[in-house]
Each structure stands twice: as C-alpha cells, then as structure tokens.
Amino acid sequence: MLKPYIQIARPDHWIKNVFLVPGIVIAYFFQPGLWHASHVVTIVLGVLATCLTASSNYVINELLDAEKDRHHPVKKFRPIPSGKVNPTVAYAEWILLGLLGVGLGFRIAVPMGACCALLWVMGAIYNIPPVRSKDQPYTDVLSESVNNPIRMAMGWYMTGAGGLPPMSILLAYWMFGAYLMAIKRLAEYRTIGDPVRAAAYRKSFGYYTEERLLVSILFYGALFSSFAAVFITRYRLEMALATPLVAYAMAYYLHLGFKPQSPAQYPELLYRQHKLLAILLATFCACVVLLFVDLPFMHFKLVPR
C-alpha cells in the first residue's frame, strides 16, 4: 500500500536535479577559494533538500492533474488516475515533503532555504487554480522552466557562495530549460495526434499547434544563445570553443522530439538514450575544461599602428 505514495513523489524524476551541477561548477569558477572537502556533505544535503521539495511539487501535480491524465494514453495508469491513492493522504504527503525540503534547505543556508521555498511556490503556481500557469500557452513552459535557474542558484549556494550567479547565465539557463520543455510539449502533442484529445489532456494544447510550438522552440533557443554569448564574452571567451558541441546537442534533442513516441516526453528516462548521453557528456566536459583552463590565444588583441 505504500508503493503508490512513493510513486507519486516520483523519485525516478530526481535525476532532473542534475541541473544543480552547473550552479556548483560556476560557483567554484567565480569563487575558487570556496572549495573544501567538507563541502561534499553540504552538497549531498542540498541535493536531498532539492529532491524533497521537487517531490512535494510532483505530488500536487499528480493530484490536480488526475482528471486530465485520464485522457493520456500512458499517464492514465498513474497511481491517482487509476484509483490507488487516497487523495487526503496524498495532500498530507505534499505538505510534509515541502516542509522537509524547505526546512533542510534553511539548515544548510538561508539563501538555500529561500531557493527551496521559491521552487515550492513555483510548483504551486504551476499546478494550483486559479493561477495554474500550466494551463496557459507559453506561460506553461516559462513557469516550469524557471526551475532551471532556481536549481542553478541552489547549486551555487550549496558551495557556500554568496551573492548571485551572473544574470546572463541565469537567463541563459532559463531559456535552455524553456527550449527543452517546449520540445517536450511538441512531442506530447504529436504523440496524442488528435487536437481535441490533446486539449482534453492539457488545456494549453487547445491553443498550441505544431507550427506554434516549433516557432517557440526556435525563439527559446535563440534567446539561450544570446544570453550565453553575453556570459562568454564578458567572463570566459574560452567557452566559445564549446559552442559547436552545444549546438549539436540542442539539434539532436530536437531530432528526438520529432521521433514517433518521442523519448523527449519523459525526461527522466533520457538516460536510456545512449547517443544523447554521449553528446551531453562530451559537451559538459568541454565546457568545464574551457571554464577552468586558460587559453592565451583566445585573448590575443591586435595592436593598432
């Protein structure tokens, strides 16, 4: 009887918290003196706080989406739509997980706790009427993907760093998340294959079309590239050498979004896409190396006569 309540907390989705890692890396780039072996424990606790907070959001998502999920060919088998969960107990689970996550965040550091609280609030905005941003086209993608820069800030504060990461990288991270989320929407829309059924499953699909989703994907991708260029130009020219790999990773992910029964619908299962993982690992390693290894020729300047 416990299993359905574990399932609605979606521990299998915790892999998404890999988005914390860039925040940790960026913190040590800007404040290298922070590194100490004892920080490993703090980082582990920070990851746990993030996972608990995210699980609280997953629970309320499952509760309030149950009726809509019955119109989805796969999600209708989830524990709540299939009647395996007592809603009252699930609401208590939502509150408890949120308190545990935010409380642990504040035990680590006040800014970390504030980020956990913000992540929880964004989950409420995304799921709970009357706001329920997930029902509004474009707002659904932007309000969900804002969790990316929140996670980056969490990674930053886990290291003990103060202040904020540069705004350019936070905005780039937000738009990168929007790019991924819009591809997920496109994959879902194409899989359902019927605009009426799609709108019954997700209200924003009453407005979306494949063309509109594709245009939004290009828009988010362009904004990501622009904000990333600002960061690279101002802080680390060496990272410009990694941009072909980043572009290839983005193009390949879009390719996955057009596949029948696209794996982009289920980000928590993308670890099964071995080629994608290889591309992402190569891209991440290149970015980290170029972030910390100086290449003097990248800073060569012509002296005017």
Protein backbone atom coordinates (compact mmCIF):
# COMPACT_ATOMS: atom_id res chain seq x y z
CA MET A 1 0.00 0.00 0.00
CA LEU A 2 2.99 2.33 0.45
CA LYS A 3 4.27 1.90 -3.09
CA PRO A 4 1.72 4.22 -4.84
CA TYR A 5 2.59 7.04 -2.41
CA ILE A 6 6.27 6.62 -3.22
CA GLN A 7 5.45 6.58 -6.92
CA ILE A 8 3.57 9.90 -6.82
CA ALA A 9 6.64 11.52 -5.23
CA ARG A 10 8.48 10.43 -8.41
CA PRO A 11 11.93 9.57 -7.03
CA ASP A 12 12.73 8.40 -10.56
CA HIS A 13 12.49 12.08 -11.58
CA TRP A 14 15.22 13.12 -9.14
CA ILE A 15 17.69 12.62 -11.96
CA LYS A 16 16.48 16.02 -13.24
CA ASN A 17 18.35 17.58 -10.35
CA VAL A 18 21.50 17.10 -12.41
CA PHE A 19 20.66 20.71 -13.33
CA LEU A 20 22.16 21.65 -9.95
CA VAL A 21 25.65 20.74 -11.18
CA PRO A 22 26.30 23.80 -13.38
CA GLY A 23 25.49 26.03 -10.41
CA ILE A 24 28.13 24.23 -8.34
CA VAL A 25 30.70 24.45 -11.13
CA ILE A 26 30.02 28.16 -11.78
CA ALA A 27 30.35 28.92 -8.05
CA TYR A 28 33.82 27.38 -7.90
CA PHE A 29 34.81 29.24 -11.06
CA PHE A 30 33.94 32.65 -9.62
CA GLN A 31 34.99 31.84 -6.04
CA PRO A 32 37.68 29.12 -6.24
CA GLY A 33 38.71 29.65 -2.61
CA LEU A 34 35.40 28.14 -1.50
CA TRP A 35 36.38 24.56 -2.27
CA HIS A 36 36.88 22.30 0.73
CA ALA A 37 36.38 18.55 1.07
CA SER A 38 33.87 19.13 3.90
CA HIS A 39 31.53 20.77 1.37
CA VAL A 40 30.73 17.33 -0.04
CA VAL A 41 28.38 16.64 2.88
CA THR A 42 26.69 20.02 2.47
CA ILE A 43 26.23 19.41 -1.25
CA VAL A 44 24.71 15.97 -0.60
CA LEU A 45 22.28 17.52 1.91
CA GLY A 46 21.49 20.26 -0.60
CA VAL A 47 20.67 17.70 -3.26
CA LEU A 48 18.40 15.89 -0.76
CA ALA A 49 16.62 19.15 0.11
CA THR A 50 16.06 19.81 -3.59
CA CYS A 51 14.75 16.29 -4.18
CA LEU A 52 12.28 16.51 -1.30
CA THR A 53 10.99 19.89 -2.44
CA ALA A 54 10.66 18.68 -6.03
CA SER A 55 8.80 15.57 -4.85
CA SER A 56 6.32 17.77 -3.00
CA ASN A 57 5.64 19.53 -6.31
CA TYR A 58 5.28 16.20 -8.10
CA VAL A 59 2.66 15.06 -5.58
CA ILE A 60 0.46 18.15 -6.05
CA ASN A 61 0.94 17.83 -9.80
CA GLU A 62 -0.33 14.23 -9.71
CA LEU A 63 -3.27 15.19 -7.50
CA LEU A 64 -4.51 18.10 -9.58
CA ASP A 65 -3.77 16.50 -12.96
CA ALA A 66 -5.52 13.20 -12.23
CA GLU A 67 -8.68 14.02 -14.19
CA LYS A 68 -6.71 15.30 -17.20
CA ASP A 69 -4.31 12.35 -17.07
CA ARG A 70 -7.20 10.00 -17.75
CA HIS A 71 -7.16 11.36 -21.32
CA HIS A 72 -3.48 10.49 -21.82
CA PRO A 73 -2.59 7.09 -23.33
CA VAL A 74 0.14 6.42 -20.74
CA LYS A 75 -0.48 8.71 -17.76
CA LYS A 76 -3.95 7.27 -17.18
CA PHE A 77 -2.17 4.33 -15.48
CA ARG A 78 -0.56 6.54 -12.82
CA PRO A 79 -1.50 5.75 -9.19
CA ILE A 80 -4.02 8.58 -8.69
CA PRO A 81 -5.95 8.38 -12.01
CA SER A 82 -6.11 4.60 -11.57
CA GLY A 83 -7.52 4.95 -8.01
CA LYS A 84 -4.63 3.50 -5.99
CA VAL A 85 -4.13 6.57 -3.77
CA ASN A 86 -6.23 8.22 -1.06
CA PRO A 87 -6.27 11.94 -2.01
CA THR A 88 -6.38 13.10 1.64
CA VAL A 89 -3.21 11.17 2.46
CA ALA A 90 -1.59 12.48 -0.73
CA TYR A 91 -2.30 16.10 0.26
CA ALA A 92 -0.66 15.42 3.63
CA GLU A 93 2.32 13.94 1.77
CA TRP A 94 2.56 17.11 -0.34
CA ILE A 95 2.75 19.34 2.75
CA LEU A 96 5.16 17.06 4.62
CA LEU A 97 7.63 16.75 1.75
CA GLY A 98 7.54 20.51 1.22
CA LEU A 99 8.25 21.21 4.90
CA LEU A 100 11.09 18.70 4.97
CA GLY A 101 12.71 20.06 1.81
CA VAL A 102 12.44 23.74 2.70
CA GLY A 103 13.41 23.10 6.33
CA LEU A 104 16.52 21.19 5.33
CA GLY A 105 17.38 23.95 2.88
CA PHE A 106 17.32 26.55 5.66
CA ARG A 107 19.51 24.30 7.82
CA ILE A 108 22.14 24.44 5.07
CA ALA A 109 21.96 28.20 4.47
CA VAL A 110 19.30 30.90 4.43
CA PRO A 111 19.65 31.54 0.66
CA MET A 112 19.42 27.79 0.02
CA GLY A 113 16.23 27.60 2.07
CA ALA A 114 14.82 30.59 0.22
CA CYS A 115 15.52 28.84 -3.10
CA CYS A 116 13.78 25.68 -1.88
CA ALA A 117 10.80 27.78 -0.83
CA LEU A 118 10.77 29.51 -4.23
CA LEU A 119 10.90 26.14 -6.00
CA TRP A 120 7.92 25.00 -3.92
CA VAL A 121 6.00 28.22 -4.62
CA MET A 122 6.61 27.85 -8.36
CA GLY A 123 5.22 24.33 -8.12
CA ALA A 124 2.07 25.77 -6.54
CA ILE A 125 1.78 28.49 -9.21
CA TYR A 126 2.22 25.89 -11.93
CA ASN A 127 -0.39 23.47 -10.58
CA ILE A 128 -2.96 25.12 -8.29
CA PRO A 129 -6.02 27.10 -9.51
CA PRO A 130 -6.89 29.85 -10.03
CA VAL A 131 -3.43 30.71 -11.36
CA ARG A 132 -2.42 27.24 -12.61
CA SER A 133 0.09 28.55 -15.13
CA LYS A 134 0.39 25.15 -16.82
CA ASP A 135 -2.99 25.76 -18.47
CA GLN A 136 -1.82 28.91 -20.28
CA PRO A 137 0.13 28.64 -23.56
CA TYR A 138 3.76 29.75 -23.34
CA THR A 139 3.31 30.61 -19.65
CA ASP A 140 3.21 26.87 -19.00
CA VAL A 141 6.68 26.41 -20.49
CA LEU A 142 8.20 29.54 -18.95
CA SER A 143 6.84 28.95 -15.44
CA GLU A 144 8.05 25.34 -15.43
CA SER A 145 11.47 26.06 -16.92
CA VAL A 146 12.16 28.87 -14.41
CA ASN A 147 13.01 25.98 -12.09
CA ASN A 148 16.27 25.72 -14.07
CA PRO A 149 17.79 29.00 -12.80
CA ILE A 150 16.36 28.26 -9.36
CA ARG A 151 18.27 24.96 -9.37
CA MET A 152 21.38 26.75 -10.60
CA ALA A 153 21.13 29.13 -7.65
CA MET A 154 20.67 26.14 -5.33
CA GLY A 155 23.88 24.58 -6.64
CA TRP A 156 25.61 27.94 -6.17
CA TYR A 157 24.51 28.28 -2.53
CA MET A 158 25.36 24.65 -1.66
CA THR A 159 29.02 25.61 -2.04
CA GLY A 160 28.73 28.46 0.44
CA ALA A 161 28.95 31.11 -2.28
CA GLY A 162 27.35 34.47 -1.61
CA GLY A 163 25.55 36.89 -3.87
CA LEU A 164 24.03 35.62 -7.11
CA PRO A 165 25.40 33.95 -10.23
CA PRO A 166 25.69 36.38 -13.18
CA MET A 167 22.27 37.32 -14.54
CA SER A 168 23.36 36.37 -18.07
CA ILE A 169 23.94 32.73 -17.13
CA LEU A 170 20.71 32.57 -15.10
CA LEU A 171 18.69 33.87 -18.05
CA ALA A 172 20.51 31.54 -20.46
CA TYR A 173 19.73 28.60 -18.17
CA TRP A 174 16.07 29.63 -18.02
CA MET A 175 15.79 29.79 -21.82
CA PHE A 176 17.64 26.49 -22.19
CA GLY A 177 15.05 24.89 -19.91
CA ALA A 178 12.25 26.51 -21.93
CA TYR A 179 13.79 25.08 -25.10
CA LEU A 180 13.74 21.57 -23.61
CA MET A 181 10.24 21.95 -22.20
CA ALA A 182 8.80 23.23 -25.49
CA ILE A 183 10.24 20.19 -27.26
CA LYS A 184 8.56 18.01 -24.64
CA ARG A 185 5.25 19.75 -25.39
CA LEU A 186 5.76 19.20 -29.13
CA ALA A 187 6.49 15.51 -28.57
CA GLU A 188 3.37 15.10 -26.41
CA TYR A 189 1.19 16.92 -28.93
CA ARG A 190 2.43 14.77 -31.80
CA THR A 191 2.04 11.54 -29.82
CA ILE A 192 -1.59 12.23 -28.91
CA GLY A 193 -2.21 13.03 -32.57
CA ASP A 194 -5.70 14.48 -32.08
CA PRO A 195 -6.15 18.20 -31.24
CA VAL A 196 -9.43 17.54 -29.38
CA ARG A 197 -7.96 14.79 -27.21
CA ALA A 198 -4.82 16.86 -26.72
CA ALA A 199 -6.87 19.82 -25.43
CA ALA A 200 -8.78 17.49 -23.09
CA TYR A 201 -5.47 16.29 -21.66
CA ARG A 202 -3.73 19.69 -21.43
CA LYS A 203 -5.67 22.96 -21.68
CA SER A 204 -2.80 24.83 -23.38
CA PHE A 205 -2.99 22.31 -26.23
CA GLY A 206 -6.26 23.98 -27.20
CA TYR A 207 -4.11 26.86 -28.45
CA TYR A 208 -0.91 25.13 -29.50
CA THR A 209 -0.27 23.73 -32.95
CA GLU A 210 2.88 22.04 -34.21
CA GLU A 211 3.82 25.24 -36.00
CA ARG A 212 3.37 27.42 -32.90
CA LEU A 213 5.34 25.01 -30.76
CA LEU A 214 8.17 24.86 -33.29
CA VAL A 215 8.32 28.66 -33.53
CA SER A 216 8.50 28.89 -29.73
CA ILE A 217 11.32 26.31 -29.67
CA LEU A 218 13.34 28.44 -32.09
CA PHE A 219 12.59 31.55 -30.01
CA TYR A 220 13.79 29.98 -26.75
CA GLY A 221 16.85 28.54 -28.47
CA ALA A 222 17.78 31.94 -29.90
CA LEU A 223 17.40 33.64 -26.52
CA PHE A 224 19.51 30.96 -24.86
CA SER A 225 22.26 31.51 -27.42
CA SER A 226 22.12 35.29 -26.97
CA PHE A 227 22.35 35.21 -23.17
CA ALA A 228 25.07 32.55 -23.30
CA ALA A 229 27.04 34.75 -25.72
CA VAL A 230 26.85 37.63 -23.23
CA PHE A 231 28.25 35.38 -20.48
CA ILE A 232 31.03 34.01 -22.69
CA THR A 233 32.03 37.44 -23.98
CA ARG A 234 32.14 39.00 -20.54
CA TYR A 235 33.53 36.23 -18.39
CA ARG A 236 35.11 33.38 -20.37
CA LEU A 237 35.99 33.61 -24.05
CA GLU A 238 37.46 30.10 -23.99
CA MET A 239 33.95 28.66 -23.77
CA ALA A 240 33.22 29.87 -27.30
CA LEU A 241 35.11 26.78 -28.47
CA ALA A 242 32.39 24.57 -26.95
CA THR A 243 29.53 26.21 -28.83
CA PRO A 244 29.54 23.74 -31.77
CA LEU A 245 29.02 20.89 -29.30
CA VAL A 246 26.24 22.79 -27.53
CA ALA A 247 24.53 23.47 -30.87
CA TYR A 248 24.85 19.80 -31.85
CA ALA A 249 23.34 18.66 -28.53
CA MET A 250 20.39 21.03 -29.00
CA ALA A 251 19.87 19.92 -32.59
CA TYR A 252 19.96 16.24 -31.63
CA TYR A 253 17.44 16.81 -28.84
CA LEU A 254 15.08 18.50 -31.30
CA HIS A 255 15.55 15.48 -33.57
CA LEU A 256 14.42 13.23 -30.70
CA GLY A 257 11.35 15.42 -30.25
CA PHE A 258 10.13 14.51 -33.75
CA LYS A 259 10.52 10.76 -33.31
CA PRO A 260 7.37 8.61 -33.01
CA GLN A 261 6.62 8.03 -29.30
CA SER A 262 9.41 10.52 -28.66
CA PRO A 263 11.60 9.96 -25.59
CA ALA A 264 11.55 13.74 -25.07
CA GLN A 265 8.13 13.23 -23.43
CA TYR A 266 9.82 11.52 -20.50
CA PRO A 267 13.00 13.43 -19.48
CA GLU A 268 13.50 11.11 -16.51
CA LEU A 269 14.10 8.23 -18.96
CA LEU A 270 16.54 10.01 -21.26
CA TYR A 271 19.45 8.16 -19.65
CA ARG A 272 18.40 5.29 -21.94
CA GLN A 273 19.31 7.39 -24.98
CA HIS A 274 22.97 6.43 -25.15
CA LYS A 275 23.89 8.69 -28.07
CA LEU A 276 22.29 11.68 -26.37
CA LEU A 277 24.15 10.93 -23.14
CA ALA A 278 27.46 10.69 -25.00
CA ILE A 279 26.84 14.06 -26.69
CA LEU A 280 25.81 15.71 -23.42
CA LEU A 281 28.78 14.27 -21.52
CA ALA A 282 31.22 15.46 -24.18
CA THR A 283 29.59 18.91 -24.20
CA PHE A 284 29.62 19.20 -20.40
CA CYS A 285 33.25 18.09 -20.12
CA ALA A 286 34.31 20.53 -22.83
CA CYS A 287 32.52 23.39 -21.06
CA VAL A 288 34.08 22.56 -17.68
CA VAL A 289 37.59 22.27 -19.13
CA LEU A 290 37.26 25.52 -21.04
CA LEU A 291 35.83 27.22 -17.96
CA PHE A 292 38.93 26.48 -15.88
CA VAL A 293 41.79 26.13 -18.41
CA ASP A 294 43.22 29.37 -19.75
CA LEU A 295 43.92 29.61 -23.48
CA PRO A 296 46.01 32.74 -24.05
CA PHE A 297 45.42 32.78 -27.82
CA MET A 298 41.71 33.41 -27.15
CA HIS A 299 42.65 36.78 -25.67
CA PHE A 300 45.05 37.89 -28.42
CA LYS A 301 44.48 41.51 -29.39
CA LEU A 302 45.74 43.32 -32.43
CA VAL A 303 47.71 46.41 -31.54
CA PRO A 304 46.70 49.34 -33.75
CA ARG A 305 49.52 51.09 -35.60
